[in-house]
Amino acid sequence: MYNKEEYTSDPRRIDVDEARTLEELNDFLITLRTRINYGEGLMGLGAAIVAIDELLEEGGVPEDNWPIGLISVSVGLDQGNRDFNEGQHYSIEITSEGICLDYLYRCYTSEYGSDHSSETMTELSPTTHFDDFAVNQWLRKAKELLNFDSARVNASLDIW
């Protein structure tokens, strides 16, 4: 008979460098609060900040209900017209599995239609470590997008 306790293991503890990286990500998320002007987005952003705070307090991914559901925060920029447009989006997703930093590129031309590519730049999970270079790239690019007036910040909390 399957005994769940036999197959559970202690969560991987975060090290000093990962804690510093998480603090940088949280500092960045805190700066985004002035860019969100709707309630659901503020709830999602707040949930992301709290989830990272909890991870830092626990020293690793907490075992119980961290977080409940999917938390997503993205910084994006879409430009163009009806014949050609493109978009870049940098997102952080937090689930009970860990934290993932993603990049999405979308393109549309009236001649060829739409296309997109996405890339997981780095992730922190029970089995993976953040790649410091990738985190720094993600932060740099997301901050660059915020220099454009048309950049948007979206956040959501999907509780299941």
N, C-alpha and C. Protein backbone atom coordinates (compact mmCIF):
# COMPACT_ATOMS: atom_id res chain seq x y z
N MET A 1 0.84 -1.18 0.00
CA MET A 1 0.00 0.00 0.00
C MET A 1 0.89 1.24 0.00
N TYR A 2 0.46 2.26 -0.71
CA TYR A 2 1.19 3.52 -0.83
C TYR A 2 1.12 4.28 0.47
N ASN A 3 2.26 4.66 0.99
CA ASN A 3 2.34 5.46 2.19
C ASN A 3 2.97 6.79 1.81
N LYS A 4 2.16 7.83 1.81
CA LYS A 4 2.62 9.15 1.36
C LYS A 4 3.85 9.62 2.13
N GLU A 5 3.88 9.35 3.42
CA GLU A 5 4.99 9.82 4.25
C GLU A 5 6.32 9.22 3.82
N GLU A 6 6.31 8.02 3.25
CA GLU A 6 7.55 7.40 2.80
C GLU A 6 8.17 8.16 1.62
N TYR A 7 7.33 8.82 0.84
CA TYR A 7 7.80 9.45 -0.38
C TYR A 7 7.94 10.97 -0.27
N THR A 8 7.65 11.54 0.87
CA THR A 8 7.83 12.98 1.03
C THR A 8 9.23 13.23 1.56
N SER A 9 9.77 14.34 1.15
CA SER A 9 11.10 14.70 1.63
C SER A 9 11.08 16.14 2.08
N ASP A 10 12.05 16.50 2.87
CA ASP A 10 12.15 17.88 3.32
C ASP A 10 12.43 18.77 2.13
N PRO A 11 11.87 19.97 2.15
CA PRO A 11 12.14 20.88 1.03
C PRO A 11 13.61 21.28 1.00
N ARG A 12 14.10 21.53 -0.20
CA ARG A 12 15.48 21.99 -0.34
C ARG A 12 15.59 23.38 0.26
N ARG A 13 16.58 23.59 1.06
CA ARG A 13 16.80 24.87 1.70
C ARG A 13 17.46 25.82 0.71
N ILE A 14 17.12 27.10 0.79
CA ILE A 14 17.77 28.09 -0.08
C ILE A 14 19.07 28.53 0.57
N ASP A 15 20.05 28.83 -0.28
CA ASP A 15 21.34 29.27 0.25
C ASP A 15 21.39 30.80 0.30
N VAL A 16 22.50 31.33 0.77
CA VAL A 16 22.66 32.78 0.95
C VAL A 16 22.51 33.52 -0.37
N ASP A 17 23.10 33.00 -1.45
CA ASP A 17 23.00 33.67 -2.75
C ASP A 17 21.56 33.68 -3.25
N GLU A 18 20.86 32.57 -3.07
CA GLU A 18 19.45 32.52 -3.49
C GLU A 18 18.60 33.47 -2.67
N ALA A 19 18.89 33.59 -1.38
CA ALA A 19 18.16 34.53 -0.53
C ALA A 19 18.38 35.96 -1.02
N ARG A 20 19.60 36.29 -1.38
CA ARG A 20 19.91 37.63 -1.91
C ARG A 20 19.15 37.87 -3.22
N THR A 21 19.12 36.87 -4.06
CA THR A 21 18.41 36.97 -5.34
C THR A 21 16.92 37.15 -5.10
N LEU A 22 16.35 36.40 -4.17
CA LEU A 22 14.93 36.54 -3.86
C LEU A 22 14.62 37.93 -3.30
N GLU A 23 15.52 38.47 -2.51
CA GLU A 23 15.33 39.83 -1.99
C GLU A 23 15.35 40.84 -3.13
N GLU A 24 16.24 40.66 -4.11
CA GLU A 24 16.27 41.55 -5.28
C GLU A 24 14.97 41.46 -6.06
N LEU A 25 14.48 40.25 -6.28
CA LEU A 25 13.21 40.08 -6.99
C LEU A 25 12.07 40.74 -6.23
N ASN A 26 12.05 40.57 -4.91
CA ASN A 26 11.00 41.18 -4.11
C ASN A 26 11.08 42.71 -4.15
N ASP A 27 12.29 43.25 -4.07
CA ASP A 27 12.46 44.70 -4.17
C ASP A 27 11.91 45.21 -5.50
N PHE A 28 12.18 44.47 -6.58
CA PHE A 28 11.67 44.86 -7.89
C PHE A 28 10.15 44.81 -7.91
N LEU A 29 9.58 43.74 -7.38
CA LEU A 29 8.12 43.62 -7.35
C LEU A 29 7.48 44.77 -6.57
N ILE A 30 8.09 45.16 -5.48
CA ILE A 30 7.55 46.26 -4.67
C ILE A 30 7.50 47.54 -5.49
N THR A 31 8.50 47.78 -6.34
CA THR A 31 8.49 49.00 -7.16
C THR A 31 7.36 49.00 -8.19
N LEU A 32 6.81 47.85 -8.50
CA LEU A 32 5.76 47.77 -9.51
C LEU A 32 4.38 48.21 -9.00
N ARG A 33 4.22 48.36 -7.71
CA ARG A 33 2.89 48.66 -7.16
C ARG A 33 2.31 49.97 -7.70
N THR A 34 3.16 50.92 -8.05
CA THR A 34 2.63 52.18 -8.59
C THR A 34 2.20 52.04 -10.05
N ARG A 35 2.55 50.93 -10.70
CA ARG A 35 2.21 50.71 -12.10
C ARG A 35 0.92 49.90 -12.28
N ILE A 36 0.34 49.45 -11.18
CA ILE A 36 -0.91 48.68 -11.25
C ILE A 36 -2.01 49.52 -10.64
N ASN A 37 -3.10 49.68 -11.39
CA ASN A 37 -4.17 50.54 -10.89
C ASN A 37 -5.52 49.82 -10.86
N TYR A 38 -5.51 48.52 -10.61
CA TYR A 38 -6.76 47.78 -10.49
C TYR A 38 -6.61 46.77 -9.36
N GLY A 39 -7.72 46.53 -8.66
CA GLY A 39 -7.70 45.73 -7.45
C GLY A 39 -7.14 44.33 -7.60
N GLU A 40 -7.59 43.60 -8.63
CA GLU A 40 -7.12 42.22 -8.81
C GLU A 40 -5.60 42.19 -9.02
N GLY A 41 -5.09 43.16 -9.77
CA GLY A 41 -3.65 43.22 -10.00
C GLY A 41 -2.89 43.49 -8.72
N LEU A 42 -3.41 44.38 -7.89
CA LEU A 42 -2.76 44.66 -6.62
C LEU A 42 -2.77 43.44 -5.71
N MET A 43 -3.87 42.68 -5.76
CA MET A 43 -3.93 41.45 -4.96
C MET A 43 -2.88 40.44 -5.45
N GLY A 44 -2.74 40.29 -6.76
CA GLY A 44 -1.75 39.37 -7.31
C GLY A 44 -0.34 39.79 -6.97
N LEU A 45 -0.06 41.09 -7.10
CA LEU A 45 1.28 41.59 -6.78
C LEU A 45 1.57 41.40 -5.29
N GLY A 46 0.59 41.72 -4.46
CA GLY A 46 0.76 41.53 -3.01
C GLY A 46 0.99 40.07 -2.66
N ALA A 47 0.28 39.18 -3.33
CA ALA A 47 0.46 37.74 -3.08
C ALA A 47 1.85 37.29 -3.47
N ALA A 48 2.39 37.83 -4.56
CA ALA A 48 3.75 37.47 -4.99
C ALA A 48 4.77 37.93 -3.96
N ILE A 49 4.61 39.14 -3.47
CA ILE A 49 5.53 39.69 -2.47
C ILE A 49 5.46 38.86 -1.18
N VAL A 50 4.25 38.54 -0.75
CA VAL A 50 4.08 37.75 0.48
C VAL A 50 4.67 36.35 0.30
N ALA A 51 4.45 35.74 -0.86
CA ALA A 51 4.97 34.39 -1.10
C ALA A 51 6.50 34.36 -1.01
N ILE A 52 7.15 35.36 -1.61
CA ILE A 52 8.62 35.40 -1.54
C ILE A 52 9.07 35.70 -0.11
N ASP A 53 8.36 36.59 0.58
CA ASP A 53 8.68 36.85 2.00
C ASP A 53 8.60 35.57 2.83
N GLU A 54 7.54 34.78 2.59
CA GLU A 54 7.39 33.52 3.33
C GLU A 54 8.52 32.55 3.02
N LEU A 55 8.90 32.49 1.76
CA LEU A 55 10.00 31.61 1.37
C LEU A 55 11.29 32.02 2.08
N LEU A 56 11.54 33.34 2.14
CA LEU A 56 12.73 33.83 2.82
C LEU A 56 12.67 33.55 4.33
N GLU A 57 11.51 33.74 4.94
CA GLU A 57 11.36 33.48 6.37
C GLU A 57 11.56 32.02 6.70
N GLU A 58 11.05 31.13 5.85
CA GLU A 58 11.16 29.70 6.08
C GLU A 58 12.54 29.16 5.73
N GLY A 59 13.28 29.87 4.87
CA GLY A 59 14.59 29.39 4.44
C GLY A 59 14.50 28.32 3.36
N GLY A 60 13.33 28.14 2.82
CA GLY A 60 13.08 27.14 1.78
C GLY A 60 11.60 27.16 1.45
N VAL A 61 11.20 26.32 0.52
CA VAL A 61 9.79 26.28 0.15
C VAL A 61 9.01 25.67 1.32
N PRO A 62 8.08 26.43 1.91
CA PRO A 62 7.28 25.89 3.01
C PRO A 62 6.51 24.65 2.56
N GLU A 63 6.34 23.74 3.48
CA GLU A 63 5.72 22.46 3.13
C GLU A 63 4.21 22.57 2.90
N ASP A 64 3.55 23.42 3.64
CA ASP A 64 2.08 23.45 3.58
C ASP A 64 1.56 24.70 2.90
N ASN A 65 0.80 24.48 1.83
CA ASN A 65 0.01 25.53 1.19
C ASN A 65 0.81 26.78 0.82
N TRP A 66 1.94 26.59 0.19
CA TRP A 66 2.71 27.74 -0.28
C TRP A 66 2.83 27.69 -1.78
N PRO A 67 2.49 28.69 -2.46
CA PRO A 67 1.28 29.45 -2.19
C PRO A 67 0.09 28.62 -2.63
N ILE A 68 -1.08 29.11 -2.34
CA ILE A 68 -2.28 28.41 -2.81
C ILE A 68 -2.59 28.94 -4.20
N GLY A 69 -2.42 28.11 -5.21
CA GLY A 69 -2.74 28.52 -6.58
C GLY A 69 -1.55 28.99 -7.37
N LEU A 70 -1.83 29.83 -8.35
CA LEU A 70 -0.82 30.37 -9.25
C LEU A 70 -0.78 31.88 -9.11
N ILE A 71 0.39 32.41 -8.89
CA ILE A 71 0.59 33.85 -8.81
C ILE A 71 1.44 34.23 -10.01
N SER A 72 1.01 35.25 -10.73
CA SER A 72 1.75 35.67 -11.91
C SER A 72 1.86 37.19 -11.95
N VAL A 73 3.07 37.68 -12.23
CA VAL A 73 3.30 39.11 -12.41
C VAL A 73 4.11 39.25 -13.70
N SER A 74 3.65 40.16 -14.58
CA SER A 74 4.39 40.35 -15.83
C SER A 74 4.56 41.82 -16.15
N VAL A 75 5.69 42.09 -16.79
CA VAL A 75 6.00 43.41 -17.32
C VAL A 75 6.04 43.22 -18.83
N GLY A 76 5.22 43.99 -19.55
CA GLY A 76 5.14 43.79 -20.98
C GLY A 76 5.08 45.08 -21.77
N LEU A 77 5.47 44.96 -23.02
CA LEU A 77 5.43 46.08 -23.94
C LEU A 77 4.97 45.56 -25.30
N ASP A 78 3.86 46.11 -25.79
CA ASP A 78 3.36 45.78 -27.12
C ASP A 78 3.41 47.04 -27.96
N GLN A 79 3.95 46.92 -29.18
CA GLN A 79 4.08 48.07 -30.07
C GLN A 79 3.70 47.67 -31.48
N GLY A 80 3.28 48.65 -32.25
CA GLY A 80 3.01 48.40 -33.65
C GLY A 80 1.68 48.95 -34.10
N ASN A 81 1.26 48.47 -35.27
CA ASN A 81 -0.01 48.88 -35.84
C ASN A 81 -0.73 47.63 -36.34
N ARG A 82 -1.78 47.80 -37.14
CA ARG A 82 -2.55 46.63 -37.55
C ARG A 82 -1.82 45.77 -38.58
N ASP A 83 -0.79 46.29 -39.24
CA ASP A 83 -0.03 45.50 -40.21
C ASP A 83 1.16 44.79 -39.59
N PHE A 84 1.71 45.37 -38.53
CA PHE A 84 2.85 44.74 -37.86
C PHE A 84 2.84 45.15 -36.40
N ASN A 85 2.92 44.19 -35.52
CA ASN A 85 3.11 44.51 -34.11
C ASN A 85 3.88 43.39 -33.44
N GLU A 86 4.52 43.77 -32.36
CA GLU A 86 5.30 42.80 -31.59
C GLU A 86 5.20 43.14 -30.11
N GLY A 87 5.45 42.15 -29.31
CA GLY A 87 5.39 42.33 -27.87
C GLY A 87 6.45 41.51 -27.16
N GLN A 88 6.92 42.08 -26.06
CA GLN A 88 7.86 41.39 -25.19
C GLN A 88 7.28 41.40 -23.79
N HIS A 89 7.37 40.28 -23.10
CA HIS A 89 6.81 40.18 -21.76
C HIS A 89 7.76 39.35 -20.88
N TYR A 90 8.06 39.90 -19.73
CA TYR A 90 8.87 39.20 -18.74
C TYR A 90 7.96 38.91 -17.56
N SER A 91 7.85 37.64 -17.19
CA SER A 91 6.93 37.28 -16.12
C SER A 91 7.60 36.42 -15.07
N ILE A 92 7.06 36.55 -13.87
CA ILE A 92 7.45 35.69 -12.76
C ILE A 92 6.20 34.93 -12.36
N GLU A 93 6.32 33.62 -12.26
CA GLU A 93 5.21 32.79 -11.85
C GLU A 93 5.62 32.02 -10.60
N ILE A 94 4.72 32.04 -9.64
CA ILE A 94 4.98 31.38 -8.36
C ILE A 94 3.88 30.35 -8.14
N THR A 95 4.28 29.11 -7.94
CA THR A 95 3.35 28.03 -7.63
C THR A 95 3.94 27.22 -6.47
N SER A 96 3.23 26.20 -6.06
CA SER A 96 3.75 25.33 -4.99
C SER A 96 5.01 24.60 -5.45
N GLU A 97 5.27 24.57 -6.76
CA GLU A 97 6.46 23.92 -7.30
C GLU A 97 7.70 24.81 -7.23
N GLY A 98 7.51 26.13 -7.10
CA GLY A 98 8.64 27.04 -7.02
C GLY A 98 8.38 28.33 -7.76
N ILE A 99 9.46 28.97 -8.19
CA ILE A 99 9.41 30.28 -8.85
C ILE A 99 10.06 30.15 -10.21
N CYS A 100 9.39 30.67 -11.24
CA CYS A 100 9.88 30.57 -12.61
C CYS A 100 9.92 31.97 -13.23
N LEU A 101 11.03 32.31 -13.86
CA LEU A 101 11.16 33.57 -14.59
C LEU A 101 11.11 33.25 -16.08
N ASP A 102 10.14 33.84 -16.78
CA ASP A 102 9.91 33.55 -18.19
C ASP A 102 10.04 34.80 -19.06
N TYR A 103 10.27 34.54 -20.34
CA TYR A 103 10.27 35.58 -21.37
C TYR A 103 9.36 35.12 -22.51
N LEU A 104 8.51 36.02 -22.99
CA LEU A 104 7.62 35.72 -24.11
C LEU A 104 7.80 36.81 -25.17
N TYR A 105 7.98 36.40 -26.42
CA TYR A 105 8.04 37.31 -27.56
C TYR A 105 6.90 36.95 -28.49
N ARG A 106 6.11 37.97 -28.88
CA ARG A 106 5.02 37.76 -29.83
C ARG A 106 5.20 38.71 -31.00
N CYS A 107 4.84 38.23 -32.18
CA CYS A 107 4.95 39.03 -33.39
C CYS A 107 3.76 38.75 -34.29
N TYR A 108 3.26 39.80 -34.95
CA TYR A 108 2.18 39.64 -35.92
C TYR A 108 2.48 40.51 -37.14
N THR A 109 2.33 39.93 -38.31
CA THR A 109 2.37 40.70 -39.55
C THR A 109 1.13 40.34 -40.35
N SER A 110 0.58 41.32 -41.04
CA SER A 110 -0.62 41.06 -41.83
C SER A 110 -0.32 40.08 -42.96
N GLU A 111 0.94 40.03 -43.39
CA GLU A 111 1.32 39.14 -44.48
C GLU A 111 1.47 37.69 -44.03
N TYR A 112 2.05 37.47 -42.85
CA TYR A 112 2.37 36.11 -42.41
C TYR A 112 1.57 35.62 -41.21
N GLY A 113 0.83 36.49 -40.54
CA GLY A 113 0.08 36.08 -39.37
C GLY A 113 0.89 36.24 -38.09
N SER A 114 0.56 35.45 -37.10
CA SER A 114 1.21 35.62 -35.80
C SER A 114 2.15 34.47 -35.47
N ASP A 115 3.09 34.78 -34.62
CA ASP A 115 4.05 33.80 -34.15
C ASP A 115 4.49 34.23 -32.75
N HIS A 116 5.00 33.30 -32.00
CA HIS A 116 5.51 33.63 -30.67
C HIS A 116 6.58 32.62 -30.26
N SER A 117 7.36 33.03 -29.31
CA SER A 117 8.32 32.11 -28.70
C SER A 117 8.38 32.44 -27.22
N SER A 118 8.59 31.43 -26.43
CA SER A 118 8.71 31.64 -24.99
C SER A 118 9.90 30.86 -24.48
N GLU A 119 10.43 31.36 -23.39
CA GLU A 119 11.63 30.75 -22.82
C GLU A 119 11.57 30.85 -21.30
N THR A 120 11.82 29.75 -20.64
CA THR A 120 12.02 29.79 -19.20
C THR A 120 13.48 30.17 -19.00
N MET A 121 13.69 31.35 -18.42
CA MET A 121 15.06 31.83 -18.26
C MET A 121 15.75 31.15 -17.08
N THR A 122 15.03 30.94 -16.00
CA THR A 122 15.56 30.24 -14.84
C THR A 122 14.42 29.93 -13.89
N GLU A 123 14.67 28.97 -13.01
CA GLU A 123 13.65 28.65 -12.02
C GLU A 123 14.29 28.16 -10.73
N LEU A 124 13.54 28.37 -9.67
CA LEU A 124 13.93 27.89 -8.35
C LEU A 124 12.87 26.90 -7.92
N SER A 125 13.28 25.68 -7.68
CA SER A 125 12.34 24.63 -7.28
C SER A 125 13.07 23.69 -6.33
N PRO A 126 12.39 22.69 -5.83
CA PRO A 126 13.07 21.73 -4.97
C PRO A 126 14.25 21.03 -5.66
N THR A 127 14.27 20.99 -6.98
CA THR A 127 15.35 20.29 -7.68
C THR A 127 16.25 21.21 -8.51
N THR A 128 15.93 22.50 -8.58
CA THR A 128 16.74 23.42 -9.38
C THR A 128 17.12 24.66 -8.59
N HIS A 129 18.19 25.28 -9.02
CA HIS A 129 18.66 26.54 -8.43
C HIS A 129 18.49 27.65 -9.45
N PHE A 130 18.32 28.89 -8.95
CA PHE A 130 18.33 30.03 -9.85
C PHE A 130 19.69 30.15 -10.51
N ASP A 131 19.72 30.51 -11.78
CA ASP A 131 20.94 30.88 -12.47
C ASP A 131 21.08 32.38 -12.28
N ASP A 132 22.12 32.81 -11.55
CA ASP A 132 22.28 34.23 -11.21
C ASP A 132 22.35 35.12 -12.45
N PHE A 133 23.05 34.67 -13.48
CA PHE A 133 23.15 35.45 -14.71
C PHE A 133 21.78 35.63 -15.34
N ALA A 134 20.99 34.58 -15.38
CA ALA A 134 19.65 34.65 -15.98
C ALA A 134 18.73 35.56 -15.16
N VAL A 135 18.82 35.51 -13.85
CA VAL A 135 18.01 36.40 -13.01
C VAL A 135 18.39 37.85 -13.28
N ASN A 136 19.69 38.13 -13.34
CA ASN A 136 20.14 39.50 -13.62
C ASN A 136 19.68 39.97 -14.99
N GLN A 137 19.73 39.10 -15.99
CA GLN A 137 19.24 39.44 -17.33
C GLN A 137 17.75 39.72 -17.29
N TRP A 138 16.99 38.87 -16.62
CA TRP A 138 15.55 39.04 -16.52
C TRP A 138 15.22 40.38 -15.87
N LEU A 139 15.86 40.68 -14.75
CA LEU A 139 15.63 41.94 -14.06
C LEU A 139 16.00 43.14 -14.93
N ARG A 140 17.15 43.07 -15.59
CA ARG A 140 17.60 44.18 -16.44
C ARG A 140 16.61 44.43 -17.56
N LYS A 141 16.18 43.38 -18.24
CA LYS A 141 15.26 43.53 -19.37
C LYS A 141 13.88 44.01 -18.91
N ALA A 142 13.38 43.49 -17.81
CA ALA A 142 12.08 43.93 -17.30
C ALA A 142 12.14 45.41 -16.92
N LYS A 143 13.22 45.83 -16.29
CA LYS A 143 13.38 47.25 -15.92
C LYS A 143 13.49 48.12 -17.16
N GLU A 144 14.16 47.64 -18.20
CA GLU A 144 14.26 48.40 -19.46
C GLU A 144 12.88 48.65 -20.05
N LEU A 145 12.03 47.64 -20.03
CA LEU A 145 10.68 47.80 -20.58
C LEU A 145 9.90 48.88 -19.84
N LEU A 146 10.14 49.01 -18.53
CA LEU A 146 9.42 50.00 -17.74
C LEU A 146 9.77 51.44 -18.12
N ASN A 147 10.84 51.63 -18.88
CA ASN A 147 11.21 52.97 -19.34
C ASN A 147 10.26 53.49 -20.42
N PHE A 148 9.49 52.60 -21.04
CA PHE A 148 8.55 52.99 -22.09
C PHE A 148 7.21 53.36 -21.45
N ASP A 149 6.64 54.46 -21.89
CA ASP A 149 5.34 54.90 -21.36
C ASP A 149 4.25 53.87 -21.59
N SER A 150 4.35 53.12 -22.67
CA SER A 150 3.29 52.16 -23.00
C SER A 150 3.49 50.79 -22.34
N ALA A 151 4.52 50.64 -21.53
CA ALA A 151 4.74 49.37 -20.82
C ALA A 151 3.59 49.13 -19.84
N ARG A 152 3.21 47.86 -19.72
CA ARG A 152 2.13 47.49 -18.81
C ARG A 152 2.64 46.48 -17.79
N VAL A 153 2.08 46.59 -16.60
CA VAL A 153 2.35 45.62 -15.55
C VAL A 153 1.02 44.95 -15.22
N ASN A 154 1.02 43.64 -15.28
CA ASN A 154 -0.17 42.86 -14.93
C ASN A 154 0.19 41.87 -13.84
N ALA A 155 -0.75 41.62 -12.97
CA ALA A 155 -0.54 40.63 -11.92
C ALA A 155 -1.87 39.92 -11.68
N SER A 156 -1.76 38.66 -11.33
CA SER A 156 -2.99 37.91 -11.05
C SER A 156 -2.71 36.83 -10.01
N LEU A 157 -3.78 36.43 -9.39
CA LEU A 157 -3.75 35.37 -8.40
C LEU A 157 -4.89 34.42 -8.76
N ASP A 158 -4.52 33.20 -9.12
CA ASP A 158 -5.51 32.21 -9.52
C ASP A 158 -5.54 31.12 -8.46
N ILE A 159 -6.55 31.17 -7.64
CA ILE A 159 -6.67 30.21 -6.55
C ILE A 159 -7.58 29.08 -6.99
N TRP A 160 -7.10 27.87 -6.82
CA TRP A 160 -7.93 26.72 -7.17
C TRP A 160 -8.27 25.91 -5.96
